[in-house]
N, C-alpha and C. Protein backbone atom coordinates (compact mmCIF):
# COMPACT_ATOMS: atom_id res chain seq x y z
N MET A 1 -19.33 21.15 5.61
CA MET A 1 -19.53 19.84 6.18
C MET A 1 -19.56 19.97 7.70
N SER A 2 -20.44 19.23 8.34
CA SER A 2 -20.58 19.31 9.79
C SER A 2 -19.39 18.67 10.48
N PRO A 3 -19.15 19.04 11.77
CA PRO A 3 -18.02 18.48 12.51
C PRO A 3 -18.08 16.96 12.61
N GLU A 4 -19.28 16.37 12.69
CA GLU A 4 -19.40 14.92 12.76
C GLU A 4 -20.09 14.42 11.51
N PRO A 5 -19.40 13.68 10.65
CA PRO A 5 -20.01 13.21 9.41
C PRO A 5 -21.12 12.20 9.69
N ASN A 6 -22.12 12.16 8.81
CA ASN A 6 -23.21 11.22 9.05
C ASN A 6 -22.77 9.79 8.77
N ARG A 7 -23.47 8.86 9.38
CA ARG A 7 -23.10 7.45 9.30
C ARG A 7 -23.12 6.91 7.87
N GLN A 8 -24.09 7.36 7.09
CA GLN A 8 -24.19 6.88 5.71
C GLN A 8 -22.97 7.30 4.89
N LEU A 9 -22.54 8.53 5.06
CA LEU A 9 -21.37 9.02 4.35
C LEU A 9 -20.12 8.22 4.75
N VAL A 10 -19.95 8.03 6.05
CA VAL A 10 -18.80 7.27 6.55
C VAL A 10 -18.84 5.84 6.01
N SER A 11 -20.00 5.23 6.05
CA SER A 11 -20.16 3.86 5.57
C SER A 11 -19.80 3.77 4.09
N THR A 12 -20.26 4.72 3.30
CA THR A 12 -19.96 4.74 1.87
C THR A 12 -18.46 4.91 1.62
N LEU A 13 -17.85 5.85 2.32
CA LEU A 13 -16.41 6.09 2.14
C LEU A 13 -15.59 4.87 2.52
N VAL A 14 -15.95 4.22 3.60
CA VAL A 14 -15.23 3.01 4.03
C VAL A 14 -15.42 1.91 2.99
N GLU A 15 -16.65 1.71 2.55
CA GLU A 15 -16.94 0.66 1.58
C GLU A 15 -16.18 0.87 0.27
N GLU A 16 -16.12 2.11 -0.19
CA GLU A 16 -15.46 2.42 -1.46
C GLU A 16 -13.93 2.33 -1.38
N ASN A 17 -13.36 2.48 -0.20
CA ASN A 17 -11.91 2.60 -0.09
C ASN A 17 -11.21 1.48 0.67
N LEU A 18 -11.95 0.68 1.40
CA LEU A 18 -11.34 -0.35 2.23
C LEU A 18 -10.59 -1.39 1.40
N GLY A 19 -11.13 -1.76 0.27
CA GLY A 19 -10.50 -2.80 -0.56
C GLY A 19 -9.10 -2.42 -1.01
N TRP A 20 -8.98 -1.26 -1.65
CA TRP A 20 -7.65 -0.87 -2.13
C TRP A 20 -6.71 -0.57 -0.97
N LEU A 21 -7.26 -0.01 0.13
CA LEU A 21 -6.42 0.31 1.28
C LEU A 21 -5.84 -0.97 1.88
N ARG A 22 -6.69 -1.98 2.05
CA ARG A 22 -6.22 -3.26 2.60
C ARG A 22 -5.18 -3.88 1.67
N GLY A 23 -5.42 -3.83 0.37
CA GLY A 23 -4.46 -4.38 -0.59
C GLY A 23 -3.13 -3.65 -0.54
N TRP A 24 -3.20 -2.33 -0.39
CA TRP A 24 -1.96 -1.54 -0.32
C TRP A 24 -1.16 -1.92 0.93
N PHE A 25 -1.83 -2.02 2.08
CA PHE A 25 -1.13 -2.40 3.30
C PHE A 25 -0.60 -3.84 3.21
N ARG A 26 -1.37 -4.76 2.61
CA ARG A 26 -0.89 -6.15 2.50
C ARG A 26 0.34 -6.22 1.61
N GLY A 27 0.46 -5.28 0.70
CA GLY A 27 1.66 -5.24 -0.13
C GLY A 27 2.84 -4.62 0.59
N ARG A 28 2.61 -4.02 1.74
CA ARG A 28 3.68 -3.34 2.46
C ARG A 28 4.09 -4.06 3.74
N VAL A 29 3.18 -4.78 4.39
CA VAL A 29 3.52 -5.47 5.64
C VAL A 29 3.15 -6.95 5.51
N LYS A 30 3.86 -7.79 6.22
CA LYS A 30 3.67 -9.24 6.09
C LYS A 30 2.54 -9.78 6.94
N ASP A 31 2.26 -9.16 8.05
CA ASP A 31 1.30 -9.68 9.02
C ASP A 31 -0.13 -9.24 8.68
N PRO A 32 -1.04 -10.19 8.40
CA PRO A 32 -2.42 -9.83 8.06
C PRO A 32 -3.15 -9.10 9.21
N ASP A 33 -2.83 -9.46 10.45
CA ASP A 33 -3.46 -8.77 11.58
C ASP A 33 -3.01 -7.31 11.64
N LEU A 34 -1.73 -7.09 11.39
CA LEU A 34 -1.21 -5.73 11.35
C LEU A 34 -1.84 -4.95 10.20
N THR A 35 -2.04 -5.61 9.09
CA THR A 35 -2.71 -4.98 7.94
C THR A 35 -4.07 -4.44 8.36
N ASP A 36 -4.85 -5.28 9.02
CA ASP A 36 -6.19 -4.85 9.48
C ASP A 36 -6.09 -3.71 10.49
N GLU A 37 -5.14 -3.81 11.39
CA GLU A 37 -4.95 -2.77 12.40
C GLU A 37 -4.60 -1.43 11.76
N LEU A 38 -3.68 -1.45 10.80
CA LEU A 38 -3.27 -0.22 10.12
C LEU A 38 -4.40 0.36 9.27
N CYS A 39 -5.19 -0.50 8.63
CA CYS A 39 -6.36 -0.04 7.87
C CYS A 39 -7.33 0.68 8.79
N GLN A 40 -7.63 0.04 9.90
CA GLN A 40 -8.58 0.62 10.85
C GLN A 40 -8.07 1.96 11.37
N GLU A 41 -6.82 2.02 11.75
CA GLU A 41 -6.25 3.26 12.27
C GLU A 41 -6.29 4.37 11.21
N SER A 42 -5.95 4.03 9.98
CA SER A 42 -5.96 5.03 8.90
C SER A 42 -7.37 5.55 8.65
N LEU A 43 -8.33 4.64 8.60
CA LEU A 43 -9.72 5.07 8.36
C LEU A 43 -10.25 5.91 9.52
N LEU A 44 -9.91 5.53 10.74
CA LEU A 44 -10.34 6.32 11.90
C LEU A 44 -9.74 7.72 11.87
N ARG A 45 -8.46 7.82 11.54
CA ARG A 45 -7.83 9.14 11.43
C ARG A 45 -8.52 9.98 10.37
N ALA A 46 -8.82 9.37 9.23
CA ALA A 46 -9.46 10.10 8.14
C ALA A 46 -10.86 10.55 8.53
N ILE A 47 -11.62 9.69 9.17
CA ILE A 47 -13.00 10.03 9.54
C ILE A 47 -13.02 11.13 10.60
N ARG A 48 -12.09 11.06 11.55
CA ARG A 48 -12.02 12.10 12.58
C ARG A 48 -11.75 13.48 11.99
N ARG A 49 -11.00 13.52 10.89
CA ARG A 49 -10.61 14.79 10.28
C ARG A 49 -11.41 15.11 9.02
N LEU A 50 -12.47 14.37 8.78
CA LEU A 50 -13.24 14.52 7.55
C LEU A 50 -13.78 15.93 7.34
N SER A 51 -14.09 16.61 8.42
CA SER A 51 -14.64 17.97 8.29
C SER A 51 -13.62 18.93 7.68
N GLY A 52 -12.34 18.58 7.72
CA GLY A 52 -11.30 19.43 7.14
C GLY A 52 -11.12 19.23 5.64
N LEU A 53 -11.78 18.22 5.07
CA LEU A 53 -11.67 17.94 3.64
C LEU A 53 -12.78 18.68 2.91
N ARG A 54 -12.39 19.58 2.02
CA ARG A 54 -13.37 20.41 1.31
C ARG A 54 -14.08 19.67 0.19
N ASP A 55 -13.39 18.77 -0.50
CA ASP A 55 -13.96 18.08 -1.66
C ASP A 55 -13.86 16.57 -1.44
N LEU A 56 -14.99 15.89 -1.31
CA LEU A 56 -14.99 14.45 -1.04
C LEU A 56 -14.40 13.64 -2.20
N ALA A 57 -14.34 14.23 -3.38
CA ALA A 57 -13.73 13.53 -4.51
C ALA A 57 -12.24 13.30 -4.26
N LEU A 58 -11.65 14.10 -3.39
CA LEU A 58 -10.23 13.98 -3.07
C LEU A 58 -9.96 12.98 -1.94
N PHE A 59 -11.01 12.36 -1.41
CA PHE A 59 -10.86 11.47 -0.26
C PHE A 59 -9.86 10.33 -0.49
N PRO A 60 -9.88 9.61 -1.64
CA PRO A 60 -8.91 8.50 -1.79
C PRO A 60 -7.45 8.95 -1.70
N GLY A 61 -7.11 10.05 -2.33
CA GLY A 61 -5.73 10.53 -2.25
C GLY A 61 -5.37 10.99 -0.85
N TRP A 62 -6.32 11.61 -0.21
CA TRP A 62 -6.14 12.08 1.16
C TRP A 62 -5.93 10.88 2.09
N LEU A 63 -6.76 9.84 1.92
CA LEU A 63 -6.65 8.62 2.73
C LEU A 63 -5.31 7.93 2.47
N TYR A 64 -4.85 7.94 1.25
CA TYR A 64 -3.56 7.33 0.91
C TYR A 64 -2.43 8.01 1.70
N ARG A 65 -2.45 9.33 1.75
CA ARG A 65 -1.41 10.05 2.50
C ARG A 65 -1.53 9.76 4.01
N ILE A 66 -2.74 9.66 4.49
CA ILE A 66 -2.94 9.30 5.91
C ILE A 66 -2.40 7.90 6.16
N ALA A 67 -2.65 6.97 5.24
CA ALA A 67 -2.17 5.59 5.39
C ALA A 67 -0.64 5.56 5.40
N GLU A 68 -0.01 6.33 4.52
CA GLU A 68 1.45 6.41 4.52
C GLU A 68 1.96 6.89 5.87
N ASN A 69 1.34 7.92 6.41
CA ASN A 69 1.75 8.46 7.71
C ASN A 69 1.49 7.46 8.84
N THR A 70 0.38 6.75 8.76
CA THR A 70 0.06 5.74 9.78
C THR A 70 1.12 4.65 9.77
N LEU A 71 1.52 4.20 8.58
CA LEU A 71 2.57 3.19 8.48
C LEU A 71 3.89 3.72 9.01
N ARG A 72 4.23 4.95 8.66
CA ARG A 72 5.46 5.56 9.15
C ARG A 72 5.45 5.65 10.68
N ASP A 73 4.32 6.08 11.24
CA ASP A 73 4.20 6.16 12.71
C ASP A 73 4.39 4.80 13.35
N HIS A 74 3.79 3.77 12.74
CA HIS A 74 3.92 2.41 13.28
C HIS A 74 5.39 1.97 13.27
N LEU A 75 6.09 2.25 12.16
CA LEU A 75 7.49 1.83 12.06
C LEU A 75 8.37 2.58 13.05
N ARG A 76 8.09 3.86 13.24
CA ARG A 76 8.86 4.63 14.24
C ARG A 76 8.64 4.08 15.64
N ALA A 77 7.39 3.77 15.96
CA ALA A 77 7.08 3.21 17.27
C ALA A 77 7.76 1.86 17.46
N LYS A 78 7.78 1.08 16.40
CA LYS A 78 8.44 -0.23 16.45
C LYS A 78 9.94 -0.07 16.72
N LEU A 79 10.54 0.91 16.08
CA LEU A 79 11.97 1.17 16.30
C LEU A 79 12.23 1.64 17.73
N ARG A 80 11.34 2.49 18.25
CA ARG A 80 11.51 2.97 19.63
C ARG A 80 11.40 1.81 20.62
N ARG A 81 10.47 0.89 20.35
CA ARG A 81 10.31 -0.26 21.25
C ARG A 81 11.55 -1.14 21.24
N LYS A 82 12.20 -1.22 20.09
CA LYS A 82 13.43 -2.01 20.00
C LYS A 82 14.61 -1.27 20.60
N LYS A 83 14.44 0.04 20.85
CA LYS A 83 15.50 0.89 21.37
C LYS A 83 16.72 0.86 20.44
N VAL A 84 16.47 0.98 19.17
CA VAL A 84 17.54 0.98 18.18
C VAL A 84 18.22 2.34 18.20
N VAL A 85 19.53 2.34 18.20
CA VAL A 85 20.29 3.59 18.25
C VAL A 85 20.27 4.27 16.89
N PHE A 86 20.41 3.51 15.82
CA PHE A 86 20.40 4.10 14.49
C PHE A 86 19.01 3.96 13.89
N THR A 87 18.76 4.72 12.84
CA THR A 87 17.46 4.68 12.17
C THR A 87 17.65 4.10 10.77
N PRO A 88 17.20 2.84 10.56
CA PRO A 88 17.32 2.27 9.23
C PRO A 88 16.36 2.97 8.27
N LEU A 89 16.63 2.83 6.98
CA LEU A 89 15.77 3.43 5.99
C LEU A 89 14.38 2.82 6.08
N LEU A 90 13.37 3.62 5.86
CA LEU A 90 12.00 3.16 5.91
C LEU A 90 11.77 2.01 4.93
N GLU A 91 12.36 2.10 3.75
CA GLU A 91 12.14 1.08 2.73
C GLU A 91 12.68 -0.28 3.15
N GLU A 92 13.68 -0.32 4.03
CA GLU A 92 14.19 -1.60 4.48
C GLU A 92 13.21 -2.29 5.41
N GLU A 93 12.41 -1.51 6.11
CA GLU A 93 11.45 -2.08 7.05
C GLU A 93 10.16 -2.51 6.35
N VAL A 94 9.82 -1.86 5.27
CA VAL A 94 8.55 -2.11 4.60
C VAL A 94 8.80 -3.02 3.41
N GLN A 95 8.24 -4.21 3.49
CA GLN A 95 8.42 -5.16 2.40
C GLN A 95 7.08 -5.77 2.05
N PRO A 96 6.85 -6.05 0.77
CA PRO A 96 5.59 -6.65 0.37
C PRO A 96 5.37 -7.98 1.07
N ALA A 97 4.14 -8.24 1.42
CA ALA A 97 3.79 -9.48 2.08
C ALA A 97 3.79 -10.62 1.07
N ALA A 98 4.09 -11.80 1.55
CA ALA A 98 4.05 -12.96 0.67
C ALA A 98 2.61 -13.35 0.40
N PRO A 99 2.25 -13.54 -0.87
CA PRO A 99 0.92 -14.01 -1.16
C PRO A 99 0.76 -15.43 -0.64
N ALA A 100 -0.49 -15.79 -0.39
CA ALA A 100 -0.73 -17.14 0.12
C ALA A 100 -0.31 -18.16 -0.93
N PHE A 101 0.37 -19.20 -0.49
CA PHE A 101 0.73 -20.28 -1.40
C PHE A 101 0.80 -21.56 -0.59
N ASP A 102 0.73 -22.66 -1.28
CA ASP A 102 0.76 -23.96 -0.64
C ASP A 102 2.20 -24.26 -0.23
N SER A 103 2.44 -24.31 1.08
CA SER A 103 3.79 -24.52 1.58
C SER A 103 4.32 -25.91 1.23
N ARG A 104 3.43 -26.81 0.80
CA ARG A 104 3.88 -28.14 0.42
C ARG A 104 4.47 -28.16 -0.98
N ASP A 105 4.32 -27.06 -1.70
CA ASP A 105 4.84 -26.98 -3.06
C ASP A 105 6.09 -26.11 -3.06
N PRO A 106 7.28 -26.71 -2.87
CA PRO A 106 8.51 -25.92 -2.75
C PRO A 106 8.82 -25.12 -4.01
N GLU A 107 8.42 -25.62 -5.17
CA GLU A 107 8.68 -24.90 -6.42
C GLU A 107 7.90 -23.58 -6.44
N LYS A 108 6.65 -23.63 -6.02
CA LYS A 108 5.82 -22.42 -5.99
C LYS A 108 6.33 -21.45 -4.93
N ALA A 109 6.77 -21.98 -3.79
CA ALA A 109 7.31 -21.13 -2.73
C ALA A 109 8.56 -20.41 -3.20
N GLU A 110 9.41 -21.11 -3.92
CA GLU A 110 10.63 -20.50 -4.43
C GLU A 110 10.32 -19.42 -5.46
N GLU A 111 9.35 -19.71 -6.33
CA GLU A 111 8.93 -18.74 -7.35
C GLU A 111 8.35 -17.48 -6.69
N THR A 112 7.55 -17.67 -5.67
CA THR A 112 6.96 -16.54 -4.94
C THR A 112 8.03 -15.70 -4.29
N GLU A 113 9.01 -16.34 -3.69
CA GLU A 113 10.09 -15.59 -3.03
C GLU A 113 10.91 -14.80 -4.04
N ARG A 114 11.14 -15.36 -5.22
CA ARG A 114 11.86 -14.62 -6.26
C ARG A 114 11.07 -13.38 -6.67
N LEU A 115 9.77 -13.54 -6.84
CA LEU A 115 8.92 -12.41 -7.23
C LEU A 115 8.94 -11.33 -6.15
N LEU A 116 8.78 -11.73 -4.90
CA LEU A 116 8.78 -10.77 -3.80
C LEU A 116 10.12 -10.05 -3.69
N SER A 117 11.18 -10.77 -3.89
CA SER A 117 12.50 -10.15 -3.84
C SER A 117 12.63 -9.09 -4.93
N ALA A 118 12.15 -9.40 -6.12
CA ALA A 118 12.21 -8.43 -7.22
C ALA A 118 11.32 -7.22 -6.94
N ILE A 119 10.15 -7.43 -6.36
CA ILE A 119 9.24 -6.32 -6.03
C ILE A 119 9.87 -5.42 -4.98
N ARG A 120 10.52 -6.01 -3.99
CA ARG A 120 11.17 -5.22 -2.93
C ARG A 120 12.25 -4.31 -3.48
N GLU A 121 12.87 -4.71 -4.57
CA GLU A 121 13.95 -3.92 -5.15
C GLU A 121 13.46 -2.78 -6.04
N LEU A 122 12.17 -2.77 -6.38
CA LEU A 122 11.65 -1.69 -7.22
C LEU A 122 11.70 -0.36 -6.48
N PRO A 123 11.96 0.72 -7.17
CA PRO A 123 11.88 2.03 -6.52
C PRO A 123 10.43 2.30 -6.09
N PRO A 124 10.23 2.96 -4.95
CA PRO A 124 8.88 3.22 -4.45
C PRO A 124 7.96 3.87 -5.49
N LYS A 125 8.53 4.74 -6.29
CA LYS A 125 7.76 5.45 -7.31
C LYS A 125 7.11 4.47 -8.30
N LEU A 126 7.75 3.34 -8.55
CA LEU A 126 7.21 2.32 -9.44
C LEU A 126 6.42 1.25 -8.67
N ARG A 127 6.89 0.95 -7.48
CA ARG A 127 6.28 -0.12 -6.69
C ARG A 127 4.86 0.24 -6.24
N GLU A 128 4.65 1.49 -5.81
CA GLU A 128 3.34 1.89 -5.26
C GLU A 128 2.19 1.71 -6.26
N PRO A 129 2.30 2.26 -7.48
CA PRO A 129 1.19 2.06 -8.41
C PRO A 129 0.99 0.59 -8.78
N LEU A 130 2.10 -0.17 -8.86
CA LEU A 130 2.00 -1.59 -9.18
C LEU A 130 1.23 -2.33 -8.09
N LEU A 131 1.54 -2.06 -6.83
CA LEU A 131 0.84 -2.70 -5.72
C LEU A 131 -0.64 -2.34 -5.72
N LEU A 132 -0.95 -1.07 -5.96
CA LEU A 132 -2.35 -0.65 -5.98
C LEU A 132 -3.09 -1.30 -7.14
N ARG A 133 -2.45 -1.43 -8.27
CA ARG A 133 -3.09 -2.03 -9.45
C ARG A 133 -3.37 -3.50 -9.22
N HIS A 134 -2.40 -4.23 -8.68
CA HIS A 134 -2.55 -5.67 -8.58
C HIS A 134 -3.15 -6.14 -7.26
N SER A 135 -3.21 -5.28 -6.26
CA SER A 135 -3.82 -5.70 -4.99
C SER A 135 -5.34 -5.76 -5.11
N ARG A 136 -5.93 -4.84 -5.85
CA ARG A 136 -7.39 -4.81 -5.99
C ARG A 136 -7.83 -4.56 -7.43
N ASP A 137 -6.93 -4.66 -8.37
CA ASP A 137 -7.23 -4.43 -9.77
C ASP A 137 -7.90 -3.07 -9.97
N LEU A 138 -7.34 -2.06 -9.31
CA LEU A 138 -7.89 -0.71 -9.43
C LEU A 138 -7.64 -0.15 -10.81
N PRO A 139 -8.60 0.61 -11.33
CA PRO A 139 -8.36 1.27 -12.62
C PRO A 139 -7.32 2.37 -12.46
N TYR A 140 -6.65 2.70 -13.55
CA TYR A 140 -5.61 3.73 -13.52
C TYR A 140 -6.13 5.04 -12.97
N ARG A 141 -7.35 5.39 -13.31
CA ARG A 141 -7.95 6.65 -12.86
C ARG A 141 -7.98 6.72 -11.33
N GLU A 142 -8.37 5.62 -10.68
CA GLU A 142 -8.43 5.61 -9.21
C GLU A 142 -7.03 5.66 -8.59
N ILE A 143 -6.10 4.94 -9.21
CA ILE A 143 -4.72 4.95 -8.70
C ILE A 143 -4.16 6.37 -8.80
N ALA A 144 -4.46 7.04 -9.90
CA ALA A 144 -4.00 8.43 -10.08
C ALA A 144 -4.57 9.32 -8.98
N ALA A 145 -5.85 9.14 -8.66
CA ALA A 145 -6.47 9.95 -7.60
C ALA A 145 -5.84 9.65 -6.25
N ILE A 146 -5.55 8.40 -5.99
CA ILE A 146 -4.97 8.00 -4.71
C ILE A 146 -3.56 8.57 -4.55
N LEU A 147 -2.76 8.45 -5.62
CA LEU A 147 -1.36 8.90 -5.54
C LEU A 147 -1.19 10.38 -5.82
N GLY A 148 -2.24 11.02 -6.33
CA GLY A 148 -2.15 12.44 -6.62
C GLY A 148 -1.29 12.75 -7.84
N ILE A 149 -1.33 11.85 -8.82
CA ILE A 149 -0.59 12.06 -10.06
C ILE A 149 -1.56 11.88 -11.23
N ARG A 150 -1.09 12.20 -12.44
CA ARG A 150 -1.94 12.06 -13.62
C ARG A 150 -2.09 10.59 -14.01
N GLU A 151 -3.20 10.28 -14.67
CA GLU A 151 -3.49 8.92 -15.08
C GLU A 151 -2.42 8.36 -16.02
N ASN A 152 -1.95 9.17 -16.95
CA ASN A 152 -0.92 8.67 -17.87
C ASN A 152 0.40 8.39 -17.13
N ALA A 153 0.67 9.11 -16.05
CA ALA A 153 1.87 8.84 -15.24
C ALA A 153 1.74 7.47 -14.56
N VAL A 154 0.53 7.13 -14.12
CA VAL A 154 0.28 5.82 -13.52
C VAL A 154 0.57 4.73 -14.54
N GLN A 155 0.05 4.91 -15.75
CA GLN A 155 0.26 3.91 -16.80
C GLN A 155 1.75 3.72 -17.09
N VAL A 156 2.47 4.81 -17.20
CA VAL A 156 3.90 4.74 -17.49
C VAL A 156 4.64 4.04 -16.34
N ARG A 157 4.32 4.40 -15.11
CA ARG A 157 5.02 3.79 -13.97
C ARG A 157 4.75 2.30 -13.86
N ILE A 158 3.51 1.89 -14.11
CA ILE A 158 3.18 0.46 -14.05
C ILE A 158 3.89 -0.28 -15.18
N PHE A 159 3.91 0.31 -16.35
CA PHE A 159 4.62 -0.29 -17.48
C PHE A 159 6.10 -0.47 -17.14
N ARG A 160 6.71 0.57 -16.61
CA ARG A 160 8.14 0.51 -16.26
C ARG A 160 8.39 -0.50 -15.14
N ALA A 161 7.48 -0.55 -14.16
CA ALA A 161 7.63 -1.51 -13.06
C ALA A 161 7.57 -2.94 -13.58
N ARG A 162 6.62 -3.22 -14.46
CA ARG A 162 6.51 -4.57 -15.02
C ARG A 162 7.75 -4.92 -15.85
N ARG A 163 8.22 -3.97 -16.63
CA ARG A 163 9.41 -4.21 -17.45
C ARG A 163 10.62 -4.50 -16.56
N LEU A 164 10.77 -3.71 -15.50
CA LEU A 164 11.87 -3.92 -14.55
C LEU A 164 11.74 -5.27 -13.85
N LEU A 165 10.53 -5.64 -13.46
CA LEU A 165 10.30 -6.93 -12.82
C LEU A 165 10.67 -8.08 -13.75
N ARG A 166 10.23 -7.99 -15.00
CA ARG A 166 10.57 -9.05 -15.97
C ARG A 166 12.09 -9.20 -16.07
N GLN A 167 12.79 -8.07 -16.13
CA GLN A 167 14.24 -8.12 -16.25
C GLN A 167 14.87 -8.71 -15.00
N LYS A 168 14.41 -8.27 -13.83
CA LYS A 168 14.96 -8.80 -12.58
C LYS A 168 14.72 -10.29 -12.45
N LEU A 169 13.51 -10.73 -12.82
CA LEU A 169 13.20 -12.17 -12.72
C LEU A 169 14.02 -12.98 -13.72
N LYS A 170 14.24 -12.40 -14.88
CA LYS A 170 15.08 -13.06 -15.89
C LYS A 170 16.51 -13.20 -15.35
N ASP A 171 17.00 -12.16 -14.69
CA ASP A 171 18.35 -12.18 -14.13
C ASP A 171 18.48 -13.16 -12.96
N LEU A 172 17.35 -13.43 -12.26
CA LEU A 172 17.36 -14.34 -11.12
C LEU A 172 17.18 -15.79 -11.51
N GLN A 173 16.93 -16.06 -12.80
CA GLN A 173 16.73 -17.45 -13.24
C GLN A 173 17.96 -18.27 -12.91
N PRO A 174 17.72 -19.50 -12.40
CA PRO A 174 18.87 -20.36 -12.06
C PRO A 174 19.62 -20.84 -13.28
């Protein structure tokens, strides 16, 4: 592959991956503007280093790891700006964004907050495939490629995540 990828290839890669990438970031950060910024930064990093990728079929998983690192870099920079002496766990800083809901409907707002609270408590190993599945309705095969795991592992993790969510929501019932 040449040092500078052609525009058509870049356009195709962005088109094929932007949807799930945006959904993944929206599930991790609350601010939609930050979501767009992190997507752009991740895609730029991937495109700049595209010549180092031997097999384009591996691009989604490669981009996923770049996106994780981009988010980590953003959180570290945010901590440095705050001049925090201690380093909180990454998972405490990264929380799923609230889906859009009508703020005039307090019942729906309360239900959404309960769901988000339960999602935040899921272990990352279960939360990640669930977010990828429901953010863009990605097929298991694509989620497996993105996360670098087998397709049946994706199915099992999503099943377990849903089961855990049902239990947590049942426990949170008033």
